[in-house]
N, C-alpha and C. Protein backbone atom coordinates (compact mmCIF):
# COMPACT_ATOMS: atom_id res chain seq x y z
N UNK A 1 -10.93 10.95 -3.00
CA UNK A 1 -9.93 10.94 -4.02
C UNK A 1 -9.80 9.86 -4.82
N UNK A 2 -10.07 8.57 -4.39
CA UNK A 2 -10.01 7.47 -5.56
C UNK A 2 -11.01 7.58 -6.50
N UNK A 3 -12.34 8.03 -5.83
CA UNK A 3 -13.51 7.92 -6.76
C UNK A 3 -13.30 9.03 -7.76
N UNK A 4 -12.53 10.21 -7.58
CA UNK A 4 -12.31 11.31 -8.64
C UNK A 4 -11.45 10.81 -9.61
N UNK A 5 -10.46 10.14 -9.08
CA UNK A 5 -9.25 9.65 -9.95
C UNK A 5 -9.99 8.42 -10.90
N UNK A 6 -10.94 7.68 -10.60
CA UNK A 6 -11.36 6.69 -11.47
C UNK A 6 -12.37 7.12 -12.42
N UNK A 7 -13.08 8.18 -11.86
CA UNK A 7 -14.27 8.73 -12.76
C UNK A 7 -13.61 9.75 -13.77
N UNK A 8 -12.55 10.42 -13.50
CA UNK A 8 -12.12 11.36 -14.59
C UNK A 8 -11.00 10.82 -15.21
N UNK A 9 -10.53 9.61 -15.42
CA UNK A 9 -9.25 9.18 -15.97
C UNK A 9 -9.43 9.24 -17.29
N UNK A 10 -10.58 9.14 -17.93
CA UNK A 10 -10.60 9.35 -19.41
C UNK A 10 -10.99 10.71 -19.94
N UNK A 11 -11.52 11.34 -18.86
CA UNK A 11 -12.20 12.79 -19.48
C UNK A 11 -11.11 14.00 -19.46
N UNK A 12 -10.42 13.75 -18.01
CA UNK A 12 -9.69 14.97 -17.85
C UNK A 12 -8.29 14.33 -17.17
N UNK A 13 -7.27 14.59 -17.93
CA UNK A 13 -6.20 13.89 -17.58
C UNK A 13 -5.56 14.78 -16.37
N UNK A 14 -5.62 15.78 -16.42
CA UNK A 14 -4.99 16.86 -15.18
C UNK A 14 -5.35 16.38 -14.08
N UNK A 15 -6.92 16.27 -13.88
CA UNK A 15 -7.60 15.80 -12.89
C UNK A 15 -7.00 14.52 -12.12
N UNK A 16 -7.02 13.52 -12.97
CA UNK A 16 -6.61 12.30 -12.95
C UNK A 16 -5.34 12.26 -12.19
N UNK A 17 -4.54 12.94 -12.90
CA UNK A 17 -2.96 13.11 -12.42
C UNK A 17 -2.82 13.71 -11.01
N UNK A 18 -3.51 14.52 -10.88
CA UNK A 18 -3.42 15.14 -9.48
C UNK A 18 -4.21 14.16 -8.43
N UNK A 19 -5.29 13.66 -8.77
CA UNK A 19 -5.87 12.75 -7.82
C UNK A 19 -5.25 11.74 -7.58
N UNK A 20 -4.38 11.01 -8.63
CA UNK A 20 -3.62 9.93 -8.32
C UNK A 20 -2.24 10.14 -7.64
N UNK A 21 -1.81 11.60 -7.72
CA UNK A 21 -0.83 11.63 -6.82
C UNK A 21 -1.13 11.90 -5.48
N UNK A 22 -2.24 12.48 -5.23
CA UNK A 22 -2.77 12.46 -3.88
C UNK A 22 -3.04 11.18 -3.37
N UNK A 23 -3.83 10.14 -3.97
CA UNK A 23 -4.03 9.03 -3.58
C UNK A 23 -2.78 8.27 -3.24
N UNK A 24 -1.89 8.38 -4.18
CA UNK A 24 -0.30 7.73 -3.87
C UNK A 24 0.12 8.15 -2.38
N UNK A 25 -0.01 9.39 -2.45
CA UNK A 25 0.69 9.88 -0.98
C UNK A 25 -0.21 9.52 0.07
N UNK A 26 -1.69 9.53 0.32
CA UNK A 26 -2.40 9.18 1.19
C UNK A 26 -2.29 7.82 1.54
N UNK A 27 -2.52 6.93 0.43
CA UNK A 27 -2.25 5.30 0.86
C UNK A 27 -1.10 4.98 1.22
N UNK A 28 0.11 5.67 0.75
CA UNK A 28 1.42 5.19 1.36
C UNK A 28 1.48 5.47 2.80
N UNK A 29 0.78 6.69 3.21
CA UNK A 29 0.92 6.86 4.61
C UNK A 29 0.21 6.00 5.44
N UNK A 30 -0.74 5.65 4.72
CA UNK A 30 -1.77 4.59 5.31
C UNK A 30 -1.32 3.38 5.61
N UNK A 31 -0.77 2.87 4.52
CA UNK A 31 -0.20 1.35 4.68
C UNK A 31 1.28 1.18 5.09
N UNK A 32 1.93 2.24 5.08
CA UNK A 32 3.43 2.41 5.73
C UNK A 32 3.62 3.60 6.54
N UNK A 33 2.94 3.27 7.79
CA UNK A 33 2.89 4.60 8.59
C UNK A 33 4.43 4.73 9.25
N UNK A 34 5.37 3.83 9.18
CA UNK A 34 6.67 3.87 9.74
C UNK A 34 7.59 3.81 8.49
N UNK A 35 7.70 4.79 7.82
CA UNK A 35 8.35 4.64 6.55
C UNK A 35 9.81 4.21 6.68
N UNK A 36 10.08 3.54 5.69
CA UNK A 36 11.60 2.99 5.81
C UNK A 36 12.78 3.89 5.39
N UNK A 37 13.96 3.64 5.90
CA UNK A 37 14.84 4.65 5.78
C UNK A 37 15.90 4.56 4.71
N UNK A 38 15.91 3.24 4.19
CA UNK A 38 16.84 3.04 2.94
C UNK A 38 16.21 3.03 1.79
N UNK A 39 16.81 3.38 0.69
CA UNK A 39 16.54 3.52 -0.67
C UNK A 39 15.79 2.51 -1.24
N UNK A 40 16.10 1.18 -1.04
CA UNK A 40 15.52 0.02 -1.37
C UNK A 40 14.10 -0.28 -0.70
N UNK A 41 13.96 0.05 0.62
CA UNK A 41 12.69 -0.03 1.33
C UNK A 41 11.68 1.03 0.64
N UNK A 42 12.36 2.23 0.70
CA UNK A 42 11.49 3.52 0.04
C UNK A 42 11.00 3.16 -1.58
N UNK A 43 11.64 2.42 -2.13
CA UNK A 43 11.25 2.20 -3.80
C UNK A 43 10.49 0.91 -3.64
N UNK A 44 10.44 0.10 -2.88
CA UNK A 44 9.59 -1.02 -2.63
C UNK A 44 8.21 -0.53 -2.04
N UNK A 45 8.24 0.37 -1.16
CA UNK A 45 6.85 0.93 -0.73
C UNK A 45 6.27 1.77 -1.94
N UNK A 46 6.82 2.40 -2.63
CA UNK A 46 6.31 3.36 -3.60
C UNK A 46 5.89 2.47 -4.63
N UNK A 47 6.60 1.44 -5.03
CA UNK A 47 6.10 0.65 -6.09
C UNK A 47 5.05 -0.27 -5.64
N UNK A 48 4.68 -0.69 -4.32
CA UNK A 48 3.69 -1.33 -3.96
C UNK A 48 2.40 -0.42 -3.86
N UNK A 49 2.76 0.82 -3.52
CA UNK A 49 1.75 1.73 -3.31
C UNK A 49 1.18 2.04 -4.81
N UNK A 50 1.91 2.21 -5.79
CA UNK A 50 1.76 2.38 -7.13
C UNK A 50 0.69 1.36 -7.68
N UNK A 51 1.05 0.03 -7.35
CA UNK A 51 0.31 -1.04 -7.87
C UNK A 51 -1.19 -1.14 -7.09
N UNK A 52 -1.36 -0.72 -5.90
CA UNK A 52 -2.57 -0.66 -5.40
C UNK A 52 -3.54 0.55 -6.06
N UNK A 53 -3.02 1.59 -6.00
CA UNK A 53 -3.75 2.80 -6.71
C UNK A 53 -4.12 2.76 -8.27
N UNK A 54 -3.03 1.91 -9.02
CA UNK A 54 -3.42 1.90 -10.26
C UNK A 54 -4.33 0.79 -10.74
N UNK A 55 -4.36 -0.04 -9.96
CA UNK A 55 -5.26 -1.32 -10.06
C UNK A 55 -6.74 -0.77 -9.74
N UNK A 56 -6.99 0.14 -8.85
CA UNK A 56 -8.28 0.43 -8.27
C UNK A 56 -9.36 0.78 -9.50
N UNK A 57 -10.54 0.57 -9.20
CA UNK A 57 -11.67 1.01 -10.15
C UNK A 57 -12.81 1.33 -9.20
N UNK A 58 -13.89 1.71 -9.75
CA UNK A 58 -15.09 2.37 -9.21
C UNK A 58 -15.55 1.16 -8.20
N UNK A 59 -15.51 0.03 -8.85
CA UNK A 59 -16.12 -1.19 -8.12
C UNK A 59 -15.32 -1.82 -7.01
N UNK A 60 -14.10 -1.29 -7.03
CA UNK A 60 -13.19 -1.96 -5.89
C UNK A 60 -12.56 -1.12 -4.86
N UNK A 61 -13.10 0.28 -4.97
CA UNK A 61 -12.67 1.20 -4.07
C UNK A 61 -13.26 0.93 -2.61
N UNK A 62 -14.32 0.50 -2.27
CA UNK A 62 -14.76 0.16 -1.18
C UNK A 62 -14.25 -1.26 -0.43
N UNK A 63 -13.83 -2.37 -1.32
CA UNK A 63 -12.97 -3.35 -1.24
C UNK A 63 -11.52 -2.73 -0.39
N UNK A 64 -10.84 -1.95 -1.36
CA UNK A 64 -9.64 -1.49 -0.65
C UNK A 64 -9.71 -0.74 0.51
N UNK A 65 -10.71 0.00 0.82
CA UNK A 65 -10.74 0.76 2.03
C UNK A 65 -11.15 -0.21 3.13
N UNK A 66 -11.78 -1.36 2.97
CA UNK A 66 -11.88 -2.25 3.96
C UNK A 66 -10.92 -2.96 4.28
N UNK A 67 -10.07 -3.32 3.18
CA UNK A 67 -8.77 -4.06 3.35
C UNK A 67 -7.64 -3.23 4.22
N UNK A 68 -7.82 -1.99 3.77
CA UNK A 68 -6.92 -1.15 4.73
C UNK A 68 -7.32 -0.84 5.99
N UNK A 69 -8.37 -0.82 6.46
CA UNK A 69 -8.89 -0.75 7.76
C UNK A 69 -8.52 -2.33 8.63
N UNK A 70 -8.90 -3.43 8.00
CA UNK A 70 -8.38 -4.39 8.43
C UNK A 70 -6.75 -4.62 8.45
N UNK A 71 -5.98 -4.19 7.53
CA UNK A 71 -4.82 -4.03 7.56
C UNK A 71 -4.06 -3.35 8.80
N UNK A 72 -4.75 -1.98 8.93
CA UNK A 72 -4.30 -1.47 10.27
C UNK A 72 -4.38 -2.17 11.43
N UNK A 73 -5.46 -3.00 11.64
CA UNK A 73 -5.87 -3.66 12.88
C UNK A 73 -4.96 -4.80 12.76
N UNK A 74 -4.29 -5.20 11.90
CA UNK A 74 -3.66 -6.50 11.98
C UNK A 74 -1.95 -6.33 11.95
N UNK A 75 -1.83 -4.84 11.97
CA UNK A 75 -0.35 -4.64 11.55
C UNK A 75 0.77 -5.20 12.33
N UNK A 76 0.61 -5.11 13.63
CA UNK A 76 1.48 -5.64 14.54
C UNK A 76 1.81 -6.99 14.38
N UNK A 77 0.65 -7.87 14.17
CA UNK A 77 0.52 -9.22 14.08
C UNK A 77 1.35 -9.44 12.79
N UNK A 78 0.97 -8.83 11.75
CA UNK A 78 1.80 -9.13 10.34
C UNK A 78 3.12 -8.88 10.46
N UNK A 79 3.58 -7.66 11.27
CA UNK A 79 5.10 -7.67 11.43
C UNK A 79 5.85 -8.73 12.04
N UNK A 80 5.15 -9.20 13.23
CA UNK A 80 5.56 -10.53 13.95
C UNK A 80 5.72 -11.76 12.73
N UNK A 81 4.50 -11.98 11.81
CA UNK A 81 4.69 -13.11 11.22
C UNK A 81 5.73 -12.87 10.13
N UNK A 82 5.82 -11.69 9.53
CA UNK A 82 7.18 -11.40 8.44
C UNK A 82 8.36 -11.57 9.14
N UNK A 83 8.44 -11.03 10.51
CA UNK A 83 9.51 -11.14 10.84
C UNK A 83 10.11 -12.54 11.34
N UNK A 84 9.08 -13.34 11.59
CA UNK A 84 9.74 -14.68 11.87
C UNK A 84 9.74 -15.52 10.44
N UNK A 85 9.15 -15.14 9.67
CA UNK A 85 9.32 -15.79 8.34
C UNK A 85 10.70 -15.50 7.60
N UNK A 86 11.19 -14.28 7.87
CA UNK A 86 12.34 -13.71 7.40
C UNK A 86 13.54 -14.17 8.37
N UNK A 87 13.16 -14.36 9.51
CA UNK A 87 14.20 -14.92 10.43
C UNK A 87 14.40 -16.46 10.10
N UNK A 88 13.51 -17.17 9.56
CA UNK A 88 13.69 -18.56 9.15
C UNK A 88 14.41 -18.60 7.95
N UNK A 89 14.28 -17.66 7.27
CA UNK A 89 14.66 -17.54 5.92
C UNK A 89 16.21 -17.00 5.93
N UNK A 90 16.57 -16.42 7.03
CA UNK A 90 17.78 -15.67 7.26
C UNK A 90 17.91 -14.27 6.64
N UNK A 91 16.74 -13.68 6.54
CA UNK A 91 16.68 -12.32 6.00
C UNK A 91 16.56 -11.41 7.07
N UNK A 92 16.85 -9.92 7.01
CA UNK A 92 16.93 -9.29 8.19
C UNK A 92 15.41 -8.57 8.00
N UNK A 93 15.35 -7.72 9.29
CA UNK A 93 14.02 -7.12 9.73
C UNK A 93 13.64 -6.27 8.82
N UNK A 94 14.80 -5.49 8.13
CA UNK A 94 14.60 -4.29 7.36
C UNK A 94 13.66 -4.68 6.08
N UNK A 95 13.83 -5.98 5.57
CA UNK A 95 13.02 -6.58 4.56
C UNK A 95 11.47 -6.44 4.94
N UNK A 96 11.21 -6.63 6.26
CA UNK A 96 9.79 -7.04 6.72
C UNK A 96 9.19 -5.71 6.69
N UNK A 97 9.95 -4.52 7.00
CA UNK A 97 9.44 -3.22 6.89
C UNK A 97 9.04 -2.54 5.73
N UNK A 98 9.61 -3.17 4.53
CA UNK A 98 9.21 -2.85 3.27
C UNK A 98 7.90 -3.63 2.73
N UNK A 99 7.28 -4.48 3.41
CA UNK A 99 6.09 -5.09 2.88
C UNK A 99 4.96 -4.48 3.93
N UNK A 100 3.76 -4.17 3.14
CA UNK A 100 2.72 -3.61 3.81
C UNK A 100 2.12 -4.72 4.54
N UNK A 101 1.11 -4.44 5.45
CA UNK A 101 0.05 -5.22 5.98
C UNK A 101 -0.99 -5.45 5.15
N UNK A 102 -1.21 -4.54 4.25
CA UNK A 102 -2.25 -4.41 3.35
C UNK A 102 -1.81 -5.73 2.29
N UNK A 103 -0.94 -5.65 1.87
CA UNK A 103 -0.25 -6.70 0.83
C UNK A 103 -0.35 -8.22 1.61
N UNK A 104 -0.16 -8.39 2.64
CA UNK A 104 -0.15 -9.48 3.44
C UNK A 104 -1.66 -9.97 3.59
N UNK A 105 -2.49 -9.12 3.98
CA UNK A 105 -3.85 -9.40 4.04
C UNK A 105 -4.36 -9.77 2.67
N UNK A 106 -4.18 -9.19 1.61
CA UNK A 106 -4.54 -9.53 0.33
C UNK A 106 -4.11 -10.96 -0.19
N UNK A 107 -3.13 -11.27 0.45
CA UNK A 107 -2.63 -12.61 -0.14
C UNK A 107 -3.00 -13.83 0.93
N UNK A 108 -3.45 -13.34 2.11
CA UNK A 108 -3.67 -14.68 3.12
C UNK A 108 -5.33 -15.13 2.81
């Protein structure tokens, strides 16, 4: 889907749009397997997913897939680290659920 999206973006806007929407849906499910229930969390998740999808190019698809696989493996560890950091900052756990392990992996 990402390959279709990146290769058709300049030639067929309809194909790009459909591929982008599908990529957003699939990636959001992948990086946020337990969706947030509050509006702010959902908005943050959609925004982060859009950033990942909109920044992708043919050259970076494989990198994103590798990071997604690594993030999936580190998900539990990530949530614990975020929870500990937010606890120290006196923020709630709900904020930790709005951050994907993919984002954490990309900045570590």
